[in-house]
Amino acid sequence: TRRRMYIETLERVLGGMDKLIIDEKTSASGV
């Protein structure tokens, strides 16, 4: 229940925001 509530809260908070997801594994170097 706590996890579901946490996920639902994040969904309400972040649902209307612009998000960029960066995958660190795709970068060979640390730059």
mmCIF file of all heavy atoms, coordinates in Angstrom:
data_MODEL
# 
_entry.id   MODEL 
# 
loop_
_atom_site.group_PDB 
_atom_site.id 
_atom_site.type_symbol 
_atom_site.label_atom_id 
_atom_site.label_alt_id 
_atom_site.label_comp_id 
_atom_site.label_asym_id 
_atom_site.label_entity_id 
_atom_site.label_seq_id 
_atom_site.pdbx_PDB_ins_code 
_atom_site.Cartn_x 
_atom_site.Cartn_y 
_atom_site.Cartn_z 
_atom_site.occupancy 
_atom_site.B_iso_or_equiv 
_atom_site.pdbx_formal_charge 
_atom_site.auth_seq_id 
_atom_site.auth_comp_id 
_atom_site.auth_asym_id 
_atom_site.auth_atom_id 
_atom_site.pdbx_PDB_model_num 
ATOM 1   N N   . THR A 1 1  ? 0.839  -1.213 0.000   1.00 0.00 ? 1  THR A N   1 
ATOM 2   C CA  . THR A 1 1  ? 0.000  0.000  0.000   1.00 0.00 ? 1  THR A CA  1 
ATOM 3   C C   . THR A 1 1  ? 0.859  1.242  0.000   1.00 0.00 ? 1  THR A C   1 
ATOM 4   O O   . THR A 1 1  ? 0.584  2.222  -0.722  1.00 0.00 ? 1  THR A O   1 
ATOM 5   C CB  . THR A 1 1  ? -0.920 -0.005 1.222   1.00 0.00 ? 1  THR A CB  1 
ATOM 6   O OG1 . THR A 1 1  ? -1.704 -1.213 1.224   1.00 0.00 ? 1  THR A OG1 1 
ATOM 7   C CG2 . THR A 1 1  ? -1.836 1.203  1.201   1.00 0.00 ? 1  THR A CG2 1 
ATOM 8   N N   . ARG A 1 2  ? 1.957  1.256  0.819   1.00 0.00 ? 2  ARG A N   1 
ATOM 9   C CA  . ARG A 1 2  ? 2.833  2.422  0.843   1.00 0.00 ? 2  ARG A CA  1 
ATOM 10  C C   . ARG A 1 2  ? 3.470  2.632  -0.518  1.00 0.00 ? 2  ARG A C   1 
ATOM 11  O O   . ARG A 1 2  ? 3.563  3.764  -1.005  1.00 0.00 ? 2  ARG A O   1 
ATOM 12  C CB  . ARG A 1 2  ? 3.905  2.244  1.920   1.00 0.00 ? 2  ARG A CB  1 
ATOM 13  C CG  . ARG A 1 2  ? 3.398  2.530  3.315   1.00 0.00 ? 2  ARG A CG  1 
ATOM 14  C CD  . ARG A 1 2  ? 4.562  2.776  4.270   1.00 0.00 ? 2  ARG A CD  1 
ATOM 15  N NE  . ARG A 1 2  ? 5.443  1.598  4.342   1.00 0.00 ? 2  ARG A NE  1 
ATOM 16  C CZ  . ARG A 1 2  ? 5.301  0.630  5.247   1.00 0.00 ? 2  ARG A CZ  1 
ATOM 17  N NH1 . ARG A 1 2  ? 4.329  0.697  6.150   1.00 0.00 ? 2  ARG A NH1 1 
ATOM 18  N NH2 . ARG A 1 2  ? 6.145  -0.380 5.260   1.00 0.00 ? 2  ARG A NH2 1 
ATOM 19  N N   . ARG A 1 3  ? 3.890  1.544  -1.156  1.00 0.00 ? 3  ARG A N   1 
ATOM 20  C CA  . ARG A 1 3  ? 4.534  1.689  -2.453  1.00 0.00 ? 3  ARG A CA  1 
ATOM 21  C C   . ARG A 1 3  ? 3.532  2.217  -3.498  1.00 0.00 ? 3  ARG A C   1 
ATOM 22  O O   . ARG A 1 3  ? 3.862  3.077  -4.315  1.00 0.00 ? 3  ARG A O   1 
ATOM 23  C CB  . ARG A 1 3  ? 5.124  0.337  -2.896  1.00 0.00 ? 3  ARG A CB  1 
ATOM 24  C CG  . ARG A 1 3  ? 5.910  0.437  -4.203  1.00 0.00 ? 3  ARG A CG  1 
ATOM 25  C CD  . ARG A 1 3  ? 6.673  -0.842 -4.487  1.00 0.00 ? 3  ARG A CD  1 
ATOM 26  N NE  . ARG A 1 3  ? 7.445  -0.725 -5.696  1.00 0.00 ? 3  ARG A NE  1 
ATOM 27  C CZ  . ARG A 1 3  ? 8.636  -0.114 -5.792  1.00 0.00 ? 3  ARG A CZ  1 
ATOM 28  N NH1 . ARG A 1 3  ? 9.198  0.424  -4.710  1.00 0.00 ? 3  ARG A NH1 1 
ATOM 29  N NH2 . ARG A 1 3  ? 9.286  -0.061 -6.951  1.00 0.00 ? 3  ARG A NH2 1 
ATOM 30  N N   . ARG A 1 4  ? 2.318  1.673  -3.443  1.00 0.00 ? 4  ARG A N   1 
ATOM 31  C CA  . ARG A 1 4  ? 1.308  2.139  -4.412  1.00 0.00 ? 4  ARG A CA  1 
ATOM 32  C C   . ARG A 1 4  ? 0.987  3.597  -4.184  1.00 0.00 ? 4  ARG A C   1 
ATOM 33  O O   . ARG A 1 4  ? 0.834  4.371  -5.135  1.00 0.00 ? 4  ARG A O   1 
ATOM 34  C CB  . ARG A 1 4  ? 0.046  1.277  -4.294  1.00 0.00 ? 4  ARG A CB  1 
ATOM 35  C CG  . ARG A 1 4  ? -1.029 1.631  -5.313  1.00 0.00 ? 4  ARG A CG  1 
ATOM 36  C CD  . ARG A 1 4  ? -2.163 0.651  -5.234  1.00 0.00 ? 4  ARG A CD  1 
ATOM 37  N NE  . ARG A 1 4  ? -2.813 0.681  -3.936  1.00 0.00 ? 4  ARG A NE  1 
ATOM 38  C CZ  . ARG A 1 4  ? -3.710 1.577  -3.562  1.00 0.00 ? 4  ARG A CZ  1 
ATOM 39  N NH1 . ARG A 1 4  ? -4.057 2.534  -4.411  1.00 0.00 ? 4  ARG A NH1 1 
ATOM 40  N NH2 . ARG A 1 4  ? -4.249 1.516  -2.379  1.00 0.00 ? 4  ARG A NH2 1 
ATOM 41  N N   . MET A 1 5  ? 0.884  3.994  -2.923  1.00 0.00 ? 5  MET A N   1 
ATOM 42  C CA  . MET A 1 5  ? 0.621  5.399  -2.619  1.00 0.00 ? 5  MET A CA  1 
ATOM 43  C C   . MET A 1 5  ? 1.769  6.278  -3.074  1.00 0.00 ? 5  MET A C   1 
ATOM 44  O O   . MET A 1 5  ? 1.556  7.385  -3.595  1.00 0.00 ? 5  MET A O   1 
ATOM 45  C CB  . MET A 1 5  ? 0.361  5.579  -1.119  1.00 0.00 ? 5  MET A CB  1 
ATOM 46  C CG  . MET A 1 5  ? -0.930 4.923  -0.635  1.00 0.00 ? 5  MET A CG  1 
ATOM 47  S SD  . MET A 1 5  ? -1.122 5.022  1.162   1.00 0.00 ? 5  MET A SD  1 
ATOM 48  C CE  . MET A 1 5  ? -1.230 6.787  1.363   1.00 0.00 ? 5  MET A CE  1 
ATOM 49  N N   . TYR A 1 6  ? 3.009  5.794  -2.914  1.00 0.00 ? 6  TYR A N   1 
ATOM 50  C CA  . TYR A 1 6  ? 4.171  6.561  -3.353  1.00 0.00 ? 6  TYR A CA  1 
ATOM 51  C C   . TYR A 1 6  ? 4.156  6.738  -4.860  1.00 0.00 ? 6  TYR A C   1 
ATOM 52  O O   . TYR A 1 6  ? 4.371  7.830  -5.385  1.00 0.00 ? 6  TYR A O   1 
ATOM 53  C CB  . TYR A 1 6  ? 5.456  5.851  -2.894  1.00 0.00 ? 6  TYR A CB  1 
ATOM 54  C CG  . TYR A 1 6  ? 6.720  6.484  -3.409  1.00 0.00 ? 6  TYR A CG  1 
ATOM 55  C CD1 . TYR A 1 6  ? 7.195  7.680  -2.851  1.00 0.00 ? 6  TYR A CD1 1 
ATOM 56  C CD2 . TYR A 1 6  ? 7.428  5.897  -4.461  1.00 0.00 ? 6  TYR A CD2 1 
ATOM 57  C CE1 . TYR A 1 6  ? 8.361  8.263  -3.356  1.00 0.00 ? 6  TYR A CE1 1 
ATOM 58  C CE2 . TYR A 1 6  ? 8.586  6.474  -4.957  1.00 0.00 ? 6  TYR A CE2 1 
ATOM 59  C CZ  . TYR A 1 6  ? 9.047  7.669  -4.404  1.00 0.00 ? 6  TYR A CZ  1 
ATOM 60  O OH  . TYR A 1 6  ? 10.172 8.266  -4.887  1.00 0.00 ? 6  TYR A OH  1 
ATOM 61  N N   . ILE A 1 7  ? 3.861  5.636  -5.575  1.00 0.00 ? 7  ILE A N   1 
ATOM 62  C CA  . ILE A 1 7  ? 3.824  5.713  -7.041  1.00 0.00 ? 7  ILE A CA  1 
ATOM 63  C C   . ILE A 1 7  ? 2.702  6.636  -7.503  1.00 0.00 ? 7  ILE A C   1 
ATOM 64  O O   . ILE A 1 7  ? 2.865  7.450  -8.428  1.00 0.00 ? 7  ILE A O   1 
ATOM 65  C CB  . ILE A 1 7  ? 3.679  4.300  -7.633  1.00 0.00 ? 7  ILE A CB  1 
ATOM 66  C CG1 . ILE A 1 7  ? 4.939  3.461  -7.319  1.00 0.00 ? 7  ILE A CG1 1 
ATOM 67  C CG2 . ILE A 1 7  ? 3.425  4.353  -9.127  1.00 0.00 ? 7  ILE A CG2 1 
ATOM 68  C CD1 . ILE A 1 7  ? 4.818  2.007  -7.707  1.00 0.00 ? 7  ILE A CD1 1 
ATOM 69  N N   . GLU A 1 8  ? 1.539  6.558  -6.895  1.00 0.00 ? 8  GLU A N   1 
ATOM 70  C CA  . GLU A 1 8  ? 0.411  7.417  -7.282  1.00 0.00 ? 8  GLU A CA  1 
ATOM 71  C C   . GLU A 1 8  ? 0.729  8.882  -7.001  1.00 0.00 ? 8  GLU A C   1 
ATOM 72  O O   . GLU A 1 8  ? 0.376  9.772  -7.788  1.00 0.00 ? 8  GLU A O   1 
ATOM 73  C CB  . GLU A 1 8  ? -0.847 6.995  -6.541  1.00 0.00 ? 8  GLU A CB  1 
ATOM 74  C CG  . GLU A 1 8  ? -1.401 5.649  -7.009  1.00 0.00 ? 8  GLU A CG  1 
ATOM 75  C CD  . GLU A 1 8  ? -2.621 5.225  -6.220  1.00 0.00 ? 8  GLU A CD  1 
ATOM 76  O OE1 . GLU A 1 8  ? -2.966 5.931  -5.239  1.00 0.00 ? 8  GLU A OE1 1 
ATOM 77  O OE2 . GLU A 1 8  ? -3.253 4.201  -6.573  1.00 0.00 ? 8  GLU A OE2 1 
ATOM 78  N N   . THR A 1 9  ? 1.443  9.128  -5.902  1.00 0.00 ? 9  THR A N   1 
ATOM 79  C CA  . THR A 1 9  ? 1.809  10.515 -5.591  1.00 0.00 ? 9  THR A CA  1 
ATOM 80  C C   . THR A 1 9  ? 2.785  11.051 -6.615  1.00 0.00 ? 9  THR A C   1 
ATOM 81  O O   . THR A 1 9  ? 2.651  12.186 -7.086  1.00 0.00 ? 9  THR A O   1 
ATOM 82  C CB  . THR A 1 9  ? 2.414  10.605 -4.186  1.00 0.00 ? 9  THR A CB  1 
ATOM 83  O OG1 . THR A 1 9  ? 1.473  10.091 -3.235  1.00 0.00 ? 9  THR A OG1 1 
ATOM 84  C CG2 . THR A 1 9  ? 2.753  12.027 -3.816  1.00 0.00 ? 9  THR A CG2 1 
ATOM 85  N N   . LEU A 1 10 ? 3.788  10.271 -6.965  1.00 0.00 ? 10 LEU A N   1 
ATOM 86  C CA  . LEU A 1 10 ? 4.733  10.693 -7.999  1.00 0.00 ? 10 LEU A CA  1 
ATOM 87  C C   . LEU A 1 10 ? 4.011  10.917 -9.329  1.00 0.00 ? 10 LEU A C   1 
ATOM 88  O O   . LEU A 1 10 ? 4.330  11.834 -10.082 1.00 0.00 ? 10 LEU A O   1 
ATOM 89  C CB  . LEU A 1 10 ? 5.840  9.647  -8.160  1.00 0.00 ? 10 LEU A CB  1 
ATOM 90  C CG  . LEU A 1 10 ? 6.857  9.555  -7.003  1.00 0.00 ? 10 LEU A CG  1 
ATOM 91  C CD1 . LEU A 1 10 ? 7.871  8.449  -7.293  1.00 0.00 ? 10 LEU A CD1 1 
ATOM 92  C CD2 . LEU A 1 10 ? 7.580  10.880 -6.796  1.00 0.00 ? 10 LEU A CD2 1 
ATOM 93  N N   . GLU A 1 11 ? 3.035  10.066 -9.600  1.00 0.00 ? 11 GLU A N   1 
ATOM 94  C CA  . GLU A 1 11 ? 2.291  10.222 -10.848 1.00 0.00 ? 11 GLU A CA  1 
ATOM 95  C C   . GLU A 1 11 ? 1.518  11.543 -10.861 1.00 0.00 ? 11 GLU A C   1 
ATOM 96  O O   . GLU A 1 11 ? 1.491  12.233 -11.891 1.00 0.00 ? 11 GLU A O   1 
ATOM 97  C CB  . GLU A 1 11 ? 1.339  9.035  -11.026 1.00 0.00 ? 11 GLU A CB  1 
ATOM 98  C CG  . GLU A 1 11 ? 0.560  9.084  -12.319 1.00 0.00 ? 11 GLU A CG  1 
ATOM 99  C CD  . GLU A 1 11 ? -0.390 7.904  -12.435 1.00 0.00 ? 11 GLU A CD  1 
ATOM 100 O OE1 . GLU A 1 11 ? -0.439 7.061  -11.506 1.00 0.00 ? 11 GLU A OE1 1 
ATOM 101 O OE2 . GLU A 1 11 ? -1.090 7.824  -13.458 1.00 0.00 ? 11 GLU A OE2 1 
ATOM 102 N N   . ARG A 1 12 ? 0.930  11.910 -9.747  1.00 0.00 ? 12 ARG A N   1 
ATOM 103 C CA  . ARG A 1 12 ? 0.205  13.183 -9.694  1.00 0.00 ? 12 ARG A CA  1 
ATOM 104 C C   . ARG A 1 12 ? 1.158  14.365 -9.770  1.00 0.00 ? 12 ARG A C   1 
ATOM 105 O O   . ARG A 1 12 ? 0.862  15.365 -10.415 1.00 0.00 ? 12 ARG A O   1 
ATOM 106 C CB  . ARG A 1 12 ? -0.630 13.267 -8.414  1.00 0.00 ? 12 ARG A CB  1 
ATOM 107 C CG  . ARG A 1 12 ? -1.861 12.403 -8.412  1.00 0.00 ? 12 ARG A CG  1 
ATOM 108 C CD  . ARG A 1 12 ? -2.848 12.858 -7.355  1.00 0.00 ? 12 ARG A CD  1 
ATOM 109 N NE  . ARG A 1 12 ? -2.221 12.907 -6.037  1.00 0.00 ? 12 ARG A NE  1 
ATOM 110 C CZ  . ARG A 1 12 ? -2.174 11.890 -5.183  1.00 0.00 ? 12 ARG A CZ  1 
ATOM 111 N NH1 . ARG A 1 12 ? -2.689 10.713 -5.539  1.00 0.00 ? 12 ARG A NH1 1 
ATOM 112 N NH2 . ARG A 1 12 ? -1.598 12.013 -4.010  1.00 0.00 ? 12 ARG A NH2 1 
ATOM 113 N N   . VAL A 1 13 ? 2.321  14.235 -9.096  1.00 0.00 ? 13 VAL A N   1 
ATOM 114 C CA  . VAL A 1 13 ? 3.249  15.371 -9.051  1.00 0.00 ? 13 VAL A CA  1 
ATOM 115 C C   . VAL A 1 13 ? 3.978  15.524 -10.373 1.00 0.00 ? 13 VAL A C   1 
ATOM 116 O O   . VAL A 1 13 ? 4.123  16.626 -10.901 1.00 0.00 ? 13 VAL A O   1 
ATOM 117 C CB  . VAL A 1 13 ? 4.235  15.203 -7.883  1.00 0.00 ? 13 VAL A CB  1 
ATOM 118 C CG1 . VAL A 1 13 ? 5.319  16.266 -7.924  1.00 0.00 ? 13 VAL A CG1 1 
ATOM 119 C CG2 . VAL A 1 13 ? 3.487  15.246 -6.548  1.00 0.00 ? 13 VAL A CG2 1 
ATOM 120 N N   . LEU A 1 14 ? 4.468  14.442 -10.901 1.00 0.00 ? 14 LEU A N   1 
ATOM 121 C CA  . LEU A 1 14 ? 5.306  14.503 -12.091 1.00 0.00 ? 14 LEU A CA  1 
ATOM 122 C C   . LEU A 1 14 ? 4.520  14.330 -13.392 1.00 0.00 ? 14 LEU A C   1 
ATOM 123 O O   . LEU A 1 14 ? 5.085  14.410 -14.471 1.00 0.00 ? 14 LEU A O   1 
ATOM 124 C CB  . LEU A 1 14 ? 6.391  13.422 -12.020 1.00 0.00 ? 14 LEU A CB  1 
ATOM 125 C CG  . LEU A 1 14 ? 7.330  13.511 -10.805 1.00 0.00 ? 14 LEU A CG  1 
ATOM 126 C CD1 . LEU A 1 14 ? 8.313  12.347 -10.830 1.00 0.00 ? 14 LEU A CD1 1 
ATOM 127 C CD2 . LEU A 1 14 ? 8.075  14.839 -10.783 1.00 0.00 ? 14 LEU A CD2 1 
ATOM 128 N N   . GLY A 1 15 ? 3.229  14.073 -13.284 1.00 0.00 ? 15 GLY A N   1 
ATOM 129 C CA  . GLY A 1 15 ? 2.461  13.806 -14.487 1.00 0.00 ? 15 GLY A CA  1 
ATOM 130 C C   . GLY A 1 15 ? 2.405  14.985 -15.430 1.00 0.00 ? 15 GLY A C   1 
ATOM 131 O O   . GLY A 1 15 ? 2.382  14.820 -16.639 1.00 0.00 ? 15 GLY A O   1 
ATOM 132 N N   . GLY A 1 16 ? 2.411  16.200 -14.928 1.00 0.00 ? 16 GLY A N   1 
ATOM 133 C CA  . GLY A 1 16 ? 2.316  17.365 -15.789 1.00 0.00 ? 16 GLY A CA  1 
ATOM 134 C C   . GLY A 1 16 ? 3.640  18.055 -16.032 1.00 0.00 ? 16 GLY A C   1 
ATOM 135 O O   . GLY A 1 16 ? 3.662  19.206 -16.517 1.00 0.00 ? 16 GLY A O   1 
ATOM 136 N N   . MET A 1 17 ? 4.749  17.437 -15.706 1.00 0.00 ? 17 MET A N   1 
ATOM 137 C CA  . MET A 1 17 ? 6.055  18.069 -15.847 1.00 0.00 ? 17 MET A CA  1 
ATOM 138 C C   . MET A 1 17 ? 6.770  17.526 -17.086 1.00 0.00 ? 17 MET A C   1 
ATOM 139 O O   . MET A 1 17 ? 6.496  16.416 -17.557 1.00 0.00 ? 17 MET A O   1 
ATOM 140 C CB  . MET A 1 17 ? 6.915  17.799 -14.600 1.00 0.00 ? 17 MET A CB  1 
ATOM 141 C CG  . MET A 1 17 ? 6.314  18.383 -13.324 1.00 0.00 ? 17 MET A CG  1 
ATOM 142 S SD  . MET A 1 17 ? 7.329  17.978 -11.886 1.00 0.00 ? 17 MET A SD  1 
ATOM 143 C CE  . MET A 1 17 ? 8.823  18.854 -12.308 1.00 0.00 ? 17 MET A CE  1 
ATOM 144 N N   . ASP A 1 18 ? 7.702  18.399 -17.613 1.00 0.00 ? 18 ASP A N   1 
ATOM 145 C CA  . ASP A 1 18 ? 8.556  17.957 -18.722 1.00 0.00 ? 18 ASP A CA  1 
ATOM 146 C C   . ASP A 1 18 ? 9.754  17.191 -18.141 1.00 0.00 ? 18 ASP A C   1 
ATOM 147 O O   . ASP A 1 18 ? 10.468 17.714 -17.264 1.00 0.00 ? 18 ASP A O   1 
ATOM 148 C CB  . ASP A 1 18 ? 9.054  19.155 -19.527 1.00 0.00 ? 18 ASP A CB  1 
ATOM 149 C CG  . ASP A 1 18 ? 7.904  19.874 -20.215 1.00 0.00 ? 18 ASP A CG  1 
ATOM 150 O OD1 . ASP A 1 18 ? 6.879  19.213 -20.513 1.00 0.00 ? 18 ASP A OD1 1 
ATOM 151 O OD2 . ASP A 1 18 ? 7.996  21.092 -20.433 1.00 0.00 ? 18 ASP A OD2 1 
ATOM 152 N N   . LYS A 1 19 ? 9.962  15.990 -18.605 1.00 0.00 ? 19 LYS A N   1 
ATOM 153 C CA  . LYS A 1 19 ? 11.011 15.127 -18.043 1.00 0.00 ? 19 LYS A CA  1 
ATOM 154 C C   . LYS A 1 19 ? 11.981 14.705 -19.155 1.00 0.00 ? 19 LYS A C   1 
ATOM 155 O O   . LYS A 1 19 ? 11.552 14.440 -20.294 1.00 0.00 ? 19 LYS A O   1 
ATOM 156 C CB  . LYS A 1 19 ? 10.386 13.885 -17.415 1.00 0.00 ? 19 LYS A CB  1 
ATOM 157 C CG  . LYS A 1 19 ? 9.452  14.192 -16.258 1.00 0.00 ? 19 LYS A CG  1 
ATOM 158 C CD  . LYS A 1 19 ? 8.853  12.940 -15.690 1.00 0.00 ? 19 LYS A CD  1 
ATOM 159 C CE  . LYS A 1 19 ? 7.889  12.310 -16.699 1.00 0.00 ? 19 LYS A CE  1 
ATOM 160 N NZ  . LYS A 1 19 ? 6.748  13.166 -16.993 1.00 0.00 ? 19 LYS A NZ  1 
ATOM 161 N N   . LEU A 1 20 ? 13.254 14.668 -18.812 1.00 0.00 ? 20 LEU A N   1 
ATOM 162 C CA  . LEU A 1 20 ? 14.309 14.132 -19.690 1.00 0.00 ? 20 LEU A CA  1 
ATOM 163 C C   . LEU A 1 20 ? 15.018 13.009 -18.928 1.00 0.00 ? 20 LEU A C   1 
ATOM 164 O O   . LEU A 1 20 ? 15.513 13.198 -17.829 1.00 0.00 ? 20 LEU A O   1 
ATOM 165 C CB  . LEU A 1 20 ? 15.333 15.219 -20.060 1.00 0.00 ? 20 LEU A CB  1 
ATOM 166 C CG  . LEU A 1 20 ? 14.787 16.365 -20.922 1.00 0.00 ? 20 LEU A CG  1 
ATOM 167 C CD1 . LEU A 1 20 ? 15.864 17.411 -21.113 1.00 0.00 ? 20 LEU A CD1 1 
ATOM 168 C CD2 . LEU A 1 20 ? 14.318 15.822 -22.252 1.00 0.00 ? 20 LEU A CD2 1 
ATOM 169 N N   . ILE A 1 21 ? 15.042 11.829 -19.533 1.00 0.00 ? 21 ILE A N   1 
ATOM 170 C CA  . ILE A 1 21 ? 15.666 10.661 -18.899 1.00 0.00 ? 21 ILE A CA  1 
ATOM 171 C C   . ILE A 1 21 ? 16.974 10.367 -19.634 1.00 0.00 ? 21 ILE A C   1 
ATOM 172 O O   . ILE A 1 21 ? 17.000 10.175 -20.857 1.00 0.00 ? 21 ILE A O   1 
ATOM 173 C CB  . ILE A 1 21 ? 14.730 9.446  -18.962 1.00 0.00 ? 21 ILE A CB  1 
ATOM 174 C CG1 . ILE A 1 21 ? 13.397 9.775  -18.236 1.00 0.00 ? 21 ILE A CG1 1 
ATOM 175 C CG2 . ILE A 1 21 ? 15.394 8.223  -18.350 1.00 0.00 ? 21 ILE A CG2 1 
ATOM 176 C CD1 . ILE A 1 21 ? 12.358 8.694  -18.352 1.00 0.00 ? 21 ILE A CD1 1 
ATOM 177 N N   . ILE A 1 22 ? 18.088 10.371 -18.902 1.00 0.00 ? 22 ILE A N   1 
ATOM 178 C CA  . ILE A 1 22 ? 19.435 10.133 -19.469 1.00 0.00 ? 22 ILE A CA  1 
ATOM 179 C C   . ILE A 1 22 ? 19.944 8.787  -18.960 1.00 0.00 ? 22 ILE A C   1 
ATOM 180 O O   . ILE A 1 22 ? 19.988 8.546  -17.742 1.00 0.00 ? 22 ILE A O   1 
ATOM 181 C CB  . ILE A 1 22 ? 20.412 11.254 -19.073 1.00 0.00 ? 22 ILE A CB  1 
ATOM 182 C CG1 . ILE A 1 22 ? 19.881 12.605 -19.586 1.00 0.00 ? 22 ILE A CG1 1 
ATOM 183 C CG2 . ILE A 1 22 ? 21.808 10.979 -19.615 1.00 0.00 ? 22 ILE A CG2 1 
ATOM 184 C CD1 . ILE A 1 22 ? 20.705 13.787 -19.100 1.00 0.00 ? 22 ILE A CD1 1 
ATOM 185 N N   . ASP A 1 23 ? 20.273 7.968  -19.863 1.00 0.00 ? 23 ASP A N   1 
ATOM 186 C CA  . ASP A 1 23 ? 20.802 6.653  -19.515 1.00 0.00 ? 23 ASP A CA  1 
ATOM 187 C C   . ASP A 1 23 ? 22.332 6.775  -19.487 1.00 0.00 ? 23 ASP A C   1 
ATOM 188 O O   . ASP A 1 23 ? 22.960 7.049  -20.511 1.00 0.00 ? 23 ASP A O   1 
ATOM 189 C CB  . ASP A 1 23 ? 20.356 5.608  -20.539 1.00 0.00 ? 23 ASP A CB  1 
ATOM 190 C CG  . ASP A 1 23 ? 20.710 4.190  -20.095 1.00 0.00 ? 23 ASP A CG  1 
ATOM 191 O OD1 . ASP A 1 23 ? 21.278 4.051  -18.987 1.00 0.00 ? 23 ASP A OD1 1 
ATOM 192 O OD2 . ASP A 1 23 ? 20.343 3.252  -20.828 1.00 0.00 ? 23 ASP A OD2 1 
ATOM 193 N N   . GLU A 1 24 ? 22.921 6.582  -18.345 1.00 0.00 ? 24 GLU A N   1 
ATOM 194 C CA  . GLU A 1 24 ? 24.368 6.735  -18.190 1.00 0.00 ? 24 GLU A CA  1 
ATOM 195 C C   . GLU A 1 24 ? 25.126 5.633  -18.925 1.00 0.00 ? 24 GLU A C   1 
ATOM 196 O O   . GLU A 1 24 ? 26.293 5.802  -19.292 1.00 0.00 ? 24 GLU A O   1 
ATOM 197 C CB  . GLU A 1 24 ? 24.736 6.717  -16.703 1.00 0.00 ? 24 GLU A CB  1 
ATOM 198 C CG  . GLU A 1 24 ? 24.148 7.881  -15.928 1.00 0.00 ? 24 GLU A CG  1 
ATOM 199 C CD  . GLU A 1 24 ? 24.508 7.804  -14.462 1.00 0.00 ? 24 GLU A CD  1 
ATOM 200 O OE1 . GLU A 1 24 ? 25.075 6.768  -14.066 1.00 0.00 ? 24 GLU A OE1 1 
ATOM 201 O OE2 . GLU A 1 24 ? 24.186 8.773  -13.729 1.00 0.00 ? 24 GLU A OE2 1 
ATOM 202 N N   . LYS A 1 25 ? 24.514 4.520  -19.141 1.00 0.00 ? 25 LYS A N   1 
ATOM 203 C CA  . LYS A 1 25 ? 25.215 3.407  -19.772 1.00 0.00 ? 25 LYS A CA  1 
ATOM 204 C C   . LYS A 1 25 ? 25.496 3.668  -21.248 1.00 0.00 ? 25 LYS A C   1 
ATOM 205 O O   . LYS A 1 25 ? 26.345 3.044  -21.846 1.00 0.00 ? 25 LYS A O   1 
ATOM 206 C CB  . LYS A 1 25 ? 24.401 2.119  -19.641 1.00 0.00 ? 25 LYS A CB  1 
ATOM 207 C CG  . LYS A 1 25 ? 24.214 1.683  -18.203 1.00 0.00 ? 25 LYS A CG  1 
ATOM 208 C CD  . LYS A 1 25 ? 23.381 0.411  -18.116 1.00 0.00 ? 25 LYS A CD  1 
ATOM 209 C CE  . LYS A 1 25 ? 23.193 -0.035 -16.676 1.00 0.00 ? 25 LYS A CE  1 
ATOM 210 N NZ  . LYS A 1 25 ? 22.385 -1.266 -16.577 1.00 0.00 ? 25 LYS A NZ  1 
ATOM 211 N N   . THR A 1 26 ? 24.748 4.537  -21.852 1.00 0.00 ? 26 THR A N   1 
ATOM 212 C CA  . THR A 1 26 ? 24.959 4.809  -23.274 1.00 0.00 ? 26 THR A CA  1 
ATOM 213 C C   . THR A 1 26 ? 26.207 5.645  -23.513 1.00 0.00 ? 26 THR A C   1 
ATOM 214 O O   . THR A 1 26 ? 26.682 5.772  -24.631 1.00 0.00 ? 26 THR A O   1 
ATOM 215 C CB  . THR A 1 26 ? 23.741 5.541  -23.863 1.00 0.00 ? 26 THR A CB  1 
ATOM 216 O OG1 . THR A 1 26 ? 23.549 6.758  -23.139 1.00 0.00 ? 26 THR A OG1 1 
ATOM 217 C CG2 . THR A 1 26 ? 22.499 4.685  -23.758 1.00 0.00 ? 26 THR A CG2 1 
ATOM 218 N N   . SER A 1 27 ? 26.755 6.257  -22.509 1.00 0.00 ? 27 SER A N   1 
ATOM 219 C CA  . SER A 1 27 ? 27.937 7.111  -22.652 1.00 0.00 ? 27 SER A CA  1 
ATOM 220 C C   . SER A 1 27 ? 29.186 6.283  -22.309 1.00 0.00 ? 27 SER A C   1 
ATOM 221 O O   . SER A 1 27 ? 29.275 5.725  -21.213 1.00 0.00 ? 27 SER A O   1 
ATOM 222 C CB  . SER A 1 27 ? 27.829 8.335  -21.724 1.00 0.00 ? 27 SER A CB  1 
ATOM 223 O OG  . SER A 1 27 ? 28.975 9.109  -21.821 1.00 0.00 ? 27 SER A OG  1 
ATOM 224 N N   . ALA A 1 28 ? 30.127 6.210  -23.280 1.00 0.00 ? 28 ALA A N   1 
ATOM 225 C CA  . ALA A 1 28 ? 31.345 5.425  -23.057 1.00 0.00 ? 28 ALA A CA  1 
ATOM 226 C C   . ALA A 1 28 ? 32.264 6.086  -22.065 1.00 0.00 ? 28 ALA A C   1 
ATOM 227 O O   . ALA A 1 28 ? 32.915 5.451  -21.263 1.00 0.00 ? 28 ALA A O   1 
ATOM 228 C CB  . ALA A 1 28 ? 32.070 5.211  -24.394 1.00 0.00 ? 28 ALA A CB  1 
ATOM 229 N N   . SER A 1 29 ? 32.305 7.387  -22.164 1.00 0.00 ? 29 SER A N   1 
ATOM 230 C CA  . SER A 1 29 ? 33.173 8.135  -21.244 1.00 0.00 ? 29 SER A CA  1 
ATOM 231 C C   . SER A 1 29 ? 32.360 8.687  -20.107 1.00 0.00 ? 29 SER A C   1 
ATOM 232 O O   . SER A 1 29 ? 31.145 8.644  -20.118 1.00 0.00 ? 29 SER A O   1 
ATOM 233 C CB  . SER A 1 29 ? 33.882 9.275  -22.008 1.00 0.00 ? 29 SER A CB  1 
ATOM 234 O OG  . SER A 1 29 ? 32.923 10.186 -22.472 1.00 0.00 ? 29 SER A OG  1 
ATOM 235 N N   . GLY A 1 30 ? 33.032 9.215  -19.181 1.00 0.00 ? 30 GLY A N   1 
ATOM 236 C CA  . GLY A 1 30 ? 32.335 9.789  -18.045 1.00 0.00 ? 30 GLY A CA  1 
ATOM 237 C C   . GLY A 1 30 ? 31.901 11.207 -18.246 1.00 0.00 ? 30 GLY A C   1 
ATOM 238 O O   . GLY A 1 30 ? 31.466 11.873 -17.325 1.00 0.00 ? 30 GLY A O   1 
ATOM 239 N N   . VAL A 1 31 ? 32.046 11.700 -19.506 1.00 0.00 ? 31 VAL A N   1 
ATOM 240 C CA  . VAL A 1 31 ? 31.680 13.098 -19.768 1.00 0.00 ? 31 VAL A CA  1 
ATOM 241 C C   . VAL A 1 31 ? 30.192 13.145 -20.091 1.00 0.00 ? 31 VAL A C   1 
ATOM 242 O O   . VAL A 1 31 ? 29.694 12.372 -20.904 1.00 0.00 ? 31 VAL A O   1 
ATOM 243 C CB  . VAL A 1 31 ? 32.519 13.665 -20.909 1.00 0.00 ? 31 VAL A CB  1 
ATOM 244 C CG1 . VAL A 1 31 ? 32.119 15.097 -21.199 1.00 0.00 ? 31 VAL A CG1 1 
ATOM 245 C CG2 . VAL A 1 31 ? 34.002 13.573 -20.564 1.00 0.00 ? 31 VAL A CG2 1 
# 
